[in-house]
């Protein structure tokens, strides 16, 4: 049995996004589930051995958001991305999207009280 260390709830989705890496590469991907900290997409063999990428999610013809991400895994089970940075507007769109697809939207907000990563304290 595996232990799940996730600090953010994943919610199922079936939406398209665009993955960009390098200076010239862009490719559509299908999002399978998403959290405030990352996303799982269908496997993406064209990505190859890329470490970092940008995920763009379009919510309408004029509204969307970009998230900088680290590739955690890209194999037959899926492409897993860990979100590393985004601006405030992107976070608000991400939060609303995850809340919209969640069975318990208030639980998503409660998760924001706890850090999604270890906080190191300087002494």
C-alpha atoms as a PDB file:
ATOM      1  CA  UNK A   1       0.000   0.000   0.000  1.00  0.00           C
ATOM      2  CA  UNK A   2       1.373   3.453  -0.856  1.00  0.00           C
ATOM      3  CA  UNK A   3       1.156   6.461   1.420  1.00  0.00           C
ATOM      4  CA  UNK A   4      -0.242   9.631  -0.150  1.00  0.00           C
ATOM      5  CA  UNK A   5       1.720  12.691   1.005  1.00  0.00           C
ATOM      6  CA  UNK A   6      -0.337  15.185  -0.974  1.00  0.00           C
ATOM      7  CA  UNK A   7      -1.286  18.331   0.869  1.00  0.00           C
ATOM      8  CA  UNK A   8      -3.852  19.459  -1.711  1.00  0.00           C
ATOM      9  CA  UNK A   9      -6.993  17.665  -2.911  1.00  0.00           C
ATOM     10  CA  UNK A  10      -7.031  16.504  -6.497  1.00  0.00           C
ATOM     11  CA  UNK A  11     -10.260  16.960  -8.401  1.00  0.00           C
ATOM     12  CA  UNK A  12     -11.141  15.129 -11.614  1.00  0.00           C
ATOM     13  CA  UNK A  13     -11.358  17.201 -14.779  1.00  0.00           C
ATOM     14  CA  UNK A  14     -11.579  16.643 -18.475  1.00  0.00           C
ATOM     15  CA  UNK A  15     -10.352  19.872 -20.038  1.00  0.00           C
ATOM     16  CA  UNK A  16      -7.732  20.813 -22.593  1.00  0.00           C
ATOM     17  CA  UNK A  17      -4.701  22.994 -21.984  1.00  0.00           C
ATOM     18  CA  UNK A  18      -1.508  23.886 -23.836  1.00  0.00           C
ATOM     19  CA  UNK A  19       1.939  22.852 -22.698  1.00  0.00           C
ATOM     20  CA  UNK A  20       4.913  24.988 -23.784  1.00  0.00           C
ATOM     21  CA  UNK A  21       8.601  24.232 -23.347  1.00  0.00           C
ATOM     22  CA  UNK A  22      11.779  25.602 -24.806  1.00  0.00           C
ATOM     23  CA  UNK A  23      11.326  28.560 -27.110  1.00  0.00           C
ATOM     24  CA  UNK A  24       9.320  26.913 -29.861  1.00  0.00           C
ATOM     25  CA  UNK A  25       7.441  23.892 -28.580  1.00  0.00           C
ATOM     26  CA  UNK A  26       3.708  24.028 -27.833  1.00  0.00           C
ATOM     27  CA  UNK A  27       1.441  21.031 -27.605  1.00  0.00           C
ATOM     28  CA  UNK A  28      -2.191  20.473 -26.517  1.00  0.00           C
ATOM     29  CA  UNK A  29      -2.724  18.232 -23.476  1.00  0.00           C
ATOM     30  CA  UNK A  30      -5.790  16.840 -21.732  1.00  0.00           C
ATOM     31  CA  UNK A  31      -6.030  17.462 -17.987  1.00  0.00           C
ATOM     32  CA  UNK A  32      -7.268  14.450 -16.004  1.00  0.00           C
ATOM     33  CA  UNK A  33      -7.113  15.935 -12.508  1.00  0.00           C
ATOM     34  CA  UNK A  34      -5.875  19.109 -10.869  1.00  0.00           C
ATOM     35  CA  UNK A  35      -5.093  20.551  -7.453  1.00  0.00           C
ATOM     36  CA  UNK A  36      -3.836  23.906  -6.239  1.00  0.00           C
ATOM     37  CA  UNK A  37      -0.328  22.415  -6.357  1.00  0.00           C
ATOM     38  CA  UNK A  38      -0.218  20.409  -9.584  1.00  0.00           C
ATOM     39  CA  UNK A  39      -1.912  18.606 -12.406  1.00  0.00           C
ATOM     40  CA  UNK A  40      -2.094  15.178 -14.035  1.00  0.00           C
ATOM     41  CA  UNK A  41      -2.470  15.091 -17.811  1.00  0.00           C
ATOM     42  CA  UNK A  42      -2.690  12.286 -20.314  1.00  0.00           C
ATOM     43  CA  UNK A  43       0.780  10.927 -21.191  1.00  0.00           C
ATOM     44  CA  UNK A  44       2.759  13.256 -23.452  1.00  0.00           C
ATOM     45  CA  UNK A  45       5.525  11.433 -25.354  1.00  0.00           C
ATOM     46  CA  UNK A  46       6.468  14.561 -27.347  1.00  0.00           C
ATOM     47  CA  UNK A  47       7.668  16.273 -24.176  1.00  0.00           C
ATOM     48  CA  UNK A  48      10.676  13.970 -23.939  1.00  0.00           C
ATOM     49  CA  UNK A  49      13.146  14.768 -21.164  1.00  0.00           C
ATOM     50  CA  UNK A  50      12.066  18.311 -20.336  1.00  0.00           C
ATOM     51  CA  UNK A  51      12.361  19.460 -16.695  1.00  0.00           C
ATOM     52  CA  UNK A  52      10.323  22.671 -16.768  1.00  0.00           C
ATOM     53  CA  UNK A  53       7.348  23.885 -18.802  1.00  0.00           C
ATOM     54  CA  UNK A  54       4.460  26.352 -18.868  1.00  0.00           C
ATOM     55  CA  UNK A  55       0.866  25.163 -18.697  1.00  0.00           C
ATOM     56  CA  UNK A  56      -1.769  27.462 -20.202  1.00  0.00           C
ATOM     57  CA  UNK A  57      -5.425  26.875 -19.374  1.00  0.00           C
ATOM     58  CA  UNK A  58      -8.023  28.801 -21.379  1.00  0.00           C
ATOM     59  CA  UNK A  59     -11.271  29.404 -19.548  1.00  0.00           C
ATOM     60  CA  UNK A  60     -12.879  31.288 -22.440  1.00  0.00           C
ATOM     61  CA  UNK A  61     -11.771  32.979 -25.646  1.00  0.00           C
ATOM     62  CA  UNK A  62     -10.418  35.932 -23.672  1.00  0.00           C
ATOM     63  CA  UNK A  63      -9.699  34.542 -20.198  1.00  0.00           C
ATOM     64  CA  UNK A  64      -7.011  32.074 -19.217  1.00  0.00           C
ATOM     65  CA  UNK A  65      -3.985  31.621 -17.016  1.00  0.00           C
ATOM     66  CA  UNK A  66      -0.373  30.423 -17.162  1.00  0.00           C
ATOM     67  CA  UNK A  67       1.470  28.356 -14.566  1.00  0.00           C
ATOM     68  CA  UNK A  68       5.188  27.566 -14.492  1.00  0.00           C
ATOM     69  CA  UNK A  69       5.654  23.905 -13.614  1.00  0.00           C
ATOM     70  CA  UNK A  70       8.230  21.212 -12.991  1.00  0.00           C
ATOM     71  CA  UNK A  71       7.791  17.843 -14.705  1.00  0.00           C
ATOM     72  CA  UNK A  72       7.524  15.231 -11.949  1.00  0.00           C
ATOM     73  CA  UNK A  73       6.695  12.254 -14.152  1.00  0.00           C
ATOM     74  CA  UNK A  74       5.990  11.568 -17.814  1.00  0.00           C
ATOM     75  CA  UNK A  75       5.274   7.913 -18.464  1.00  0.00           C
ATOM     76  CA  UNK A  76       2.487   5.620 -19.641  1.00  0.00           C
ATOM     77  CA  UNK A  77       0.388   6.497 -16.575  1.00  0.00           C
ATOM     78  CA  UNK A  78       0.411  10.225 -17.272  1.00  0.00           C
ATOM     79  CA  UNK A  79       2.232  13.528 -17.241  1.00  0.00           C
ATOM     80  CA  UNK A  80       2.453  14.885 -13.686  1.00  0.00           C
ATOM     81  CA  UNK A  81       3.354  18.545 -13.180  1.00  0.00           C
ATOM     82  CA  UNK A  82       4.172  20.308  -9.914  1.00  0.00           C
ATOM     83  CA  UNK A  83       3.267  23.997 -10.006  1.00  0.00           C
ATOM     84  CA  UNK A  84       6.219  26.222  -9.141  1.00  0.00           C
ATOM     85  CA  UNK A  85       5.048  29.759  -9.845  1.00  0.00           C
ATOM     86  CA  UNK A  86       2.104  31.808 -11.051  1.00  0.00           C
ATOM     87  CA  UNK A  87       0.864  35.338 -10.629  1.00  0.00           C
ATOM     88  CA  UNK A  88      -1.991  36.302  -8.320  1.00  0.00           C
ATOM     89  CA  UNK A  89      -4.579  36.389 -11.101  1.00  0.00           C
ATOM     90  CA  UNK A  90      -3.563  32.908 -12.260  1.00  0.00           C
ATOM     91  CA  UNK A  91      -3.910  31.608  -8.703  1.00  0.00           C
ATOM     92  CA  UNK A  92      -7.428  33.051  -8.418  1.00  0.00           C
ATOM     93  CA  UNK A  93      -8.460  31.378 -11.694  1.00  0.00           C
ATOM     94  CA  UNK A  94      -6.840  28.092 -10.608  1.00  0.00           C
ATOM     95  CA  UNK A  95      -8.569  28.203  -7.220  1.00  0.00           C
ATOM     96  CA  UNK A  96     -11.957  28.890  -8.817  1.00  0.00           C
ATOM     97  CA  UNK A  97     -11.469  26.106 -11.376  1.00  0.00           C
ATOM     98  CA  UNK A  98     -10.529  23.565  -8.694  1.00  0.00           C
ATOM     99  CA  UNK A  99     -13.410  24.689  -6.440  1.00  0.00           C
ATOM    100  CA  UNK A 100     -15.866  24.434  -9.359  1.00  0.00           C
ATOM    101  CA  UNK A 101     -14.886  20.803 -10.056  1.00  0.00           C
ATOM    102  CA  UNK A 102     -14.721  19.771  -6.389  1.00  0.00           C
ATOM    103  CA  UNK A 103     -17.443  17.882  -4.509  1.00  0.00           C
ATOM    104  CA  UNK A 104     -16.534  19.996  -1.461  1.00  0.00           C
ATOM    105  CA  UNK A 105     -15.440  23.493  -2.591  1.00  0.00           C
ATOM    106  CA  UNK A 106     -15.074  24.735   0.985  1.00  0.00           C
ATOM    107  CA  UNK A 107     -12.481  22.014   1.646  1.00  0.00           C
ATOM    108  CA  UNK A 108     -10.317  23.562  -1.080  1.00  0.00           C
ATOM    109  CA  UNK A 109     -10.332  26.875   0.789  1.00  0.00           C
ATOM    110  CA  UNK A 110      -9.585  25.168   4.112  1.00  0.00           C
ATOM    111  CA  UNK A 111      -6.462  23.641   2.553  1.00  0.00           C
ATOM    112  CA  UNK A 112      -5.025  27.124   2.080  1.00  0.00           C
ATOM    113  CA  UNK A 113      -4.485  27.427   5.834  1.00  0.00           C
ATOM    114  CA  UNK A 114      -1.725  24.779   5.663  1.00  0.00           C
ATOM    115  CA  UNK A 115       1.454  25.254   3.589  1.00  0.00           C
ATOM    116  CA  UNK A 116       1.725  22.970   0.553  1.00  0.00           C
ATOM    117  CA  UNK A 117       5.454  22.546   1.172  1.00  0.00           C
ATOM    118  CA  UNK A 118       7.887  22.334   4.061  1.00  0.00           C
ATOM    119  CA  UNK A 119       8.761  25.711   5.541  1.00  0.00           C
ATOM    120  CA  UNK A 120      12.370  26.028   6.668  1.00  0.00           C
ATOM    121  CA  UNK A 121      12.998  28.318   9.597  1.00  0.00           C
ATOM    122  CA  UNK A 122      16.201  30.358   9.754  1.00  0.00           C
ATOM    123  CA  UNK A 123      17.679  30.718  13.201  1.00  0.00           C
END
